[in-house]
C-alpha atoms as a PDB file:
ATOM      1  CA  MET A   1    -141.117 210.060  60.965  1.00  0.00           C
ATOM      2  CA  GLU A   2    -140.504 206.370  60.299  1.00  0.00           C
ATOM      3  CA  ARG A   3    -137.210 205.052  58.970  1.00  0.00           C
ATOM      4  CA  LEU A   4    -137.262 203.862  55.388  1.00  0.00           C
ATOM      5  CA  THR A   5    -136.583 200.200  54.667  1.00  0.00           C
ATOM      6  CA  ALA A   6    -133.722 199.245  52.358  1.00  0.00           C
ATOM      7  CA  GLU A   7    -136.279 198.483  49.647  1.00  0.00           C
ATOM      8  CA  GLU A   8    -137.919 201.904  50.055  1.00  0.00           C
ATOM      9  CA  ARG A   9    -134.542 203.662  49.896  1.00  0.00           C
ATOM     10  CA  LEU A  10    -133.776 201.731  46.720  1.00  0.00           C
ATOM     11  CA  THR A  11    -137.096 202.906  45.234  1.00  0.00           C
ATOM     12  CA  LEU A  12    -136.160 206.545  45.903  1.00  0.00           C
ATOM     13  CA  LYS A  13    -132.712 205.950  44.426  1.00  0.00           C
ATOM     14  CA  THR A  14    -134.087 204.110  41.373  1.00  0.00           C
ATOM     15  CA  GLY A  15    -136.415 207.005  40.623  1.00  0.00           C
ATOM     16  CA  ALA A  16    -133.752 209.676  41.057  1.00  0.00           C
ATOM     17  CA  PHE A  17    -130.957 207.898  39.166  1.00  0.00           C
ATOM     18  CA  GLY A  18    -133.400 206.725  36.488  1.00  0.00           C
ATOM     19  CA  ALA A  19    -134.607 210.300  35.974  1.00  0.00           C
ATOM     20  CA  VAL A  20    -131.025 211.516  35.534  1.00  0.00           C
ATOM     21  CA  PHE A  21    -130.289 208.669  33.112  1.00  0.00           C
ATOM     22  CA  LEU A  22    -133.377 209.486  31.019  1.00  0.00           C
ATOM     23  CA  VAL A  23    -132.488 213.156  30.690  1.00  0.00           C
ATOM     24  CA  SER A  24    -128.851 212.340  29.972  1.00  0.00           C
ATOM     25  CA  ASN A  25    -129.824 209.929  27.202  1.00  0.00           C
ATOM     26  CA  ALA A  26    -132.442 212.192  25.628  1.00  0.00           C
ATOM     27  CA  GLU A  27    -129.620 213.958  23.776  1.00  0.00           C
ATOM     28  CA  PRO A  28    -126.807 211.500  23.022  1.00  0.00           C
ATOM     29  CA  GLY A  29    -123.110 212.313  23.104  1.00  0.00           C
ATOM     30  CA  MET A  30    -120.270 210.816  25.145  1.00  0.00           C
ATOM     31  CA  PHE A  31    -118.576 214.059  26.173  1.00  0.00           C
ATOM     32  CA  ALA A  32    -121.932 215.565  27.096  1.00  0.00           C
ATOM     33  CA  MET A  33    -122.746 212.502  29.205  1.00  0.00           C
ATOM     34  CA  ILE A  34    -119.607 212.931  31.332  1.00  0.00           C
ATOM     35  CA  ARG A  35    -120.378 216.607  31.974  1.00  0.00           C
ATOM     36  CA  GLU A  36    -124.029 215.745  32.683  1.00  0.00           C
ATOM     37  CA  SER A  37    -123.210 213.013  35.200  1.00  0.00           C
ATOM     38  CA  MET A  38    -121.001 215.437  37.120  1.00  0.00           C
ATOM     39  CA  ALA A  39    -123.821 218.014  37.126  1.00  0.00           C
ATOM     40  CA  ALA A  40    -126.299 215.408  38.382  1.00  0.00           C
ATOM     41  CA  SER A  41    -124.059 214.175  41.182  1.00  0.00           C
ATOM     42  CA  GLY A  42    -123.702 217.766  42.384  1.00  0.00           C
ATOM     43  CA  ALA A  43    -127.474 218.182  42.561  1.00  0.00           C
ATOM     44  CA  LEU A  44    -128.050 214.821  44.251  1.00  0.00           C
ATOM     45  CA  SER A  45    -125.399 215.581  46.852  1.00  0.00           C
ATOM     46  CA  ASP A  46    -127.324 218.750  47.795  1.00  0.00           C
ATOM     47  CA  ALA A  47    -130.000 216.551  49.388  1.00  0.00           C
ATOM     48  CA  SER A  48    -130.356 216.311  53.146  1.00  0.00           C
ATOM     49  CA  GLY A  49    -132.085 214.194  55.768  1.00  0.00           C
ATOM     50  CA  VAL A  50    -133.988 211.090  54.718  1.00  0.00           C
ATOM     51  CA  VAL A  51    -133.611 211.927  51.027  1.00  0.00           C
ATOM     52  CA  LYS A  52    -129.813 212.213  51.263  1.00  0.00           C
ATOM     53  CA  GLU A  53    -129.630 208.923  53.142  1.00  0.00           C
ATOM     54  CA  ALA A  54    -131.792 207.197  50.538  1.00  0.00           C
ATOM     55  CA  LEU A  55    -129.698 208.528  47.645  1.00  0.00           C
ATOM     56  CA  THR A  56    -126.256 207.914  49.143  1.00  0.00           C
ATOM     57  CA  VAL A  57    -126.510 204.731  51.249  1.00  0.00           C
ATOM     58  CA  GLY A  58    -126.730 201.218  49.890  1.00  0.00           C
ATOM     59  CA  PRO A  59    -126.381 199.694  46.450  1.00  0.00           C
ATOM     60  CA  LEU A  60    -126.888 201.501  43.170  1.00  0.00           C
ATOM     61  CA  PRO A  61    -130.171 200.707  41.440  1.00  0.00           C
ATOM     62  CA  GLN A  62    -130.160 198.141  38.667  1.00  0.00           C
ATOM     63  CA  LEU A  63    -131.637 199.937  35.654  1.00  0.00           C
ATOM     64  CA  PRO A  64    -132.440 198.134  32.393  1.00  0.00           C
ATOM     65  CA  ARG A  65    -129.642 198.499  29.849  1.00  0.00           C
ATOM     66  CA  ASP A  66    -131.432 197.808  26.588  1.00  0.00           C
ATOM     67  CA  SER A  67    -133.413 200.965  25.930  1.00  0.00           C
ATOM     68  CA  ALA A  68    -134.484 204.313  27.312  1.00  0.00           C
ATOM     69  CA  LEU A  69    -138.105 203.120  27.079  1.00  0.00           C
ATOM     70  CA  GLU A  70    -137.323 200.260  29.467  1.00  0.00           C
ATOM     71  CA  VAL A  71    -135.579 202.652  31.852  1.00  0.00           C
ATOM     72  CA  GLU A  72    -138.563 204.981  31.663  1.00  0.00           C
ATOM     73  CA  ALA A  73    -140.898 202.064  32.448  1.00  0.00           C
ATOM     74  CA  VAL A  74    -138.898 201.480  35.661  1.00  0.00           C
ATOM     75  CA  ALA A  75    -137.889 205.025  36.645  1.00  0.00           C
ATOM     76  CA  LEU A  76    -141.162 206.916  36.288  1.00  0.00           C
ATOM     77  CA  PRO A  77    -143.228 204.478  38.399  1.00  0.00           C
ATOM     78  CA  ALA A  78    -140.365 204.468  40.946  1.00  0.00           C
ATOM     79  CA  LEU A  79    -140.626 208.269  41.208  1.00  0.00           C
ATOM     80  CA  THR A  80    -144.372 208.033  41.836  1.00  0.00           C
ATOM     81  CA  ARG A  81    -143.848 205.249  44.420  1.00  0.00           C
ATOM     82  CA  ALA A  82    -141.041 207.232  46.072  1.00  0.00           C
ATOM     83  CA  VAL A  83    -143.351 210.220  46.578  1.00  0.00           C
ATOM     84  CA  ALA A  84    -146.024 207.906  48.033  1.00  0.00           C
ATOM     85  CA  ILE A  85    -143.473 206.299  50.383  1.00  0.00           C
ATOM     86  CA  LEU A  86    -142.301 209.706  51.599  1.00  0.00           C
ATOM     87  CA  ARG A  87    -145.858 210.998  51.942  1.00  0.00           C
ATOM     88  CA  ASP A  88    -146.565 208.016  54.195  1.00  0.00           C
ATOM     89  CA  LYS A  89    -143.345 207.858  56.223  1.00  0.00           C
ATOM     90  CA  ALA A  90    -141.693 211.292  56.005  1.00  0.00           C
ATOM     91  CA  PRO A  91    -144.210 213.860  54.711  1.00  0.00           C
ATOM     92  CA  GLY A  92    -141.794 216.709  55.355  1.00  0.00           C
ATOM     93  CA  GLU A  93    -139.342 215.178  52.854  1.00  0.00           C
ATOM     94  CA  VAL A  94    -141.667 214.940  49.820  1.00  0.00           C
ATOM     95  CA  GLU A  95    -140.853 218.408  48.524  1.00  0.00           C
ATOM     96  CA  ALA A  96    -137.136 217.894  49.155  1.00  0.00           C
ATOM     97  CA  TYR A  97    -137.163 214.725  47.038  1.00  0.00           C
ATOM     98  CA  ARG A  98    -139.071 216.392  44.212  1.00  0.00           C
ATOM     99  CA  SER A  99    -136.719 219.381  44.312  1.00  0.00           C
ATOM    100  CA  VAL A 100    -133.547 217.296  44.299  1.00  0.00           C
ATOM    101  CA  VAL A 101    -134.706 215.079  41.411  1.00  0.00           C
ATOM    102  CA  LEU A 102    -135.872 218.041  39.318  1.00  0.00           C
ATOM    103  CA  ALA A 103    -132.705 220.016  40.112  1.00  0.00           C
ATOM    104  CA  ALA A 104    -130.577 217.055  39.005  1.00  0.00           C
ATOM    105  CA  ALA A 105    -132.649 216.661  35.815  1.00  0.00           C
ATOM    106  CA  ASP A 106    -132.412 220.392  35.064  1.00  0.00           C
ATOM    107  CA  ARG A 107    -128.645 220.458  35.705  1.00  0.00           C
ATOM    108  CA  VAL A 108    -128.140 217.456  33.432  1.00  0.00           C
ATOM    109  CA  ALA A 109    -130.228 219.041  30.680  1.00  0.00           C
ATOM    110  CA  GLY A 110    -128.409 222.361  30.941  1.00  0.00           C
ATOM    111  CA  ALA A 111    -124.913 220.903  31.283  1.00  0.00           C
ATOM    112  CA  HIS A 112    -124.301 220.673  27.543  1.00  0.00           C
ATOM    113  CA  ARG A 113    -125.473 223.453  25.226  1.00  0.00           C
ATOM    114  CA  GLY A 114    -128.717 224.239  27.058  1.00  0.00           C
ATOM    115  CA  VAL A 115    -131.925 222.253  27.321  1.00  0.00           C
ATOM    116  CA  ALA A 116    -132.925 220.436  24.122  1.00  0.00           C
ATOM    117  CA  LEU A 117    -136.554 219.701  23.242  1.00  0.00           C
ATOM    118  CA  ALA A 118    -136.090 215.978  23.896  1.00  0.00           C
ATOM    119  CA  GLU A 119    -134.665 216.745  27.344  1.00  0.00           C
ATOM    120  CA  ALA A 120    -137.518 219.140  28.151  1.00  0.00           C
ATOM    121  CA  ALA A 121    -140.048 216.457  27.185  1.00  0.00           C
ATOM    122  CA  VAL A 122    -138.377 213.922  29.504  1.00  0.00           C
ATOM    123  CA  ILE A 123    -138.311 216.473  32.349  1.00  0.00           C
ATOM    124  CA  ASP A 124    -142.058 217.037  31.844  1.00  0.00           C
ATOM    125  CA  ARG A 125    -142.652 213.270  32.236  1.00  0.00           C
ATOM    126  CA  ILE A 126    -140.443 213.232  35.340  1.00  0.00           C
ATOM    127  CA  ARG A 127    -142.355 216.188  36.817  1.00  0.00           C
ATOM    128  CA  ALA A 128    -145.665 214.388  36.132  1.00  0.00           C
ATOM    129  CA  ALA A 129    -144.396 211.193  37.814  1.00  0.00           C
ATOM    130  CA  LEU A 130    -143.289 213.223  40.849  1.00  0.00           C
ATOM    131  CA  ALA A 131    -146.735 214.831  41.065  1.00  0.00           C
ATOM    132  CA  GLY A 132    -148.173 211.389  41.771  1.00  0.00           C
ATOM    133  CA  PRO A 133    -151.257 209.638  40.448  1.00  0.00           C
ATOM    134  CA  ALA A 134    -153.734 211.896  38.684  1.00  0.00           C
END
């Protein structure tokens, strides 16, 4: 297993944090967002090995601030790239990354009054991005 570069770790982090942001913003509400961010951090901290290192070490990703569509345009390709990076450098970690990102997305969606349709749709797009190129 090769070590990930700082840029590769940032790609994994951008995908994971972007996914959480997208789910959190699918159903707006300030109080909900606070509860959701706590739920997401719990899921992300459950990671181990290379995935934990990638998600906890180094700078936070710089996500676009203007719209969810811009975040989606950055986050979803980052998820697909992250899976490719792991497949290449740490194949045993691919499933762990997918699981952690989906667990965080599910926890965020369920943190406030269950999973809304908009949140479920975002999670489907996240799942597709994690599956890799068709």
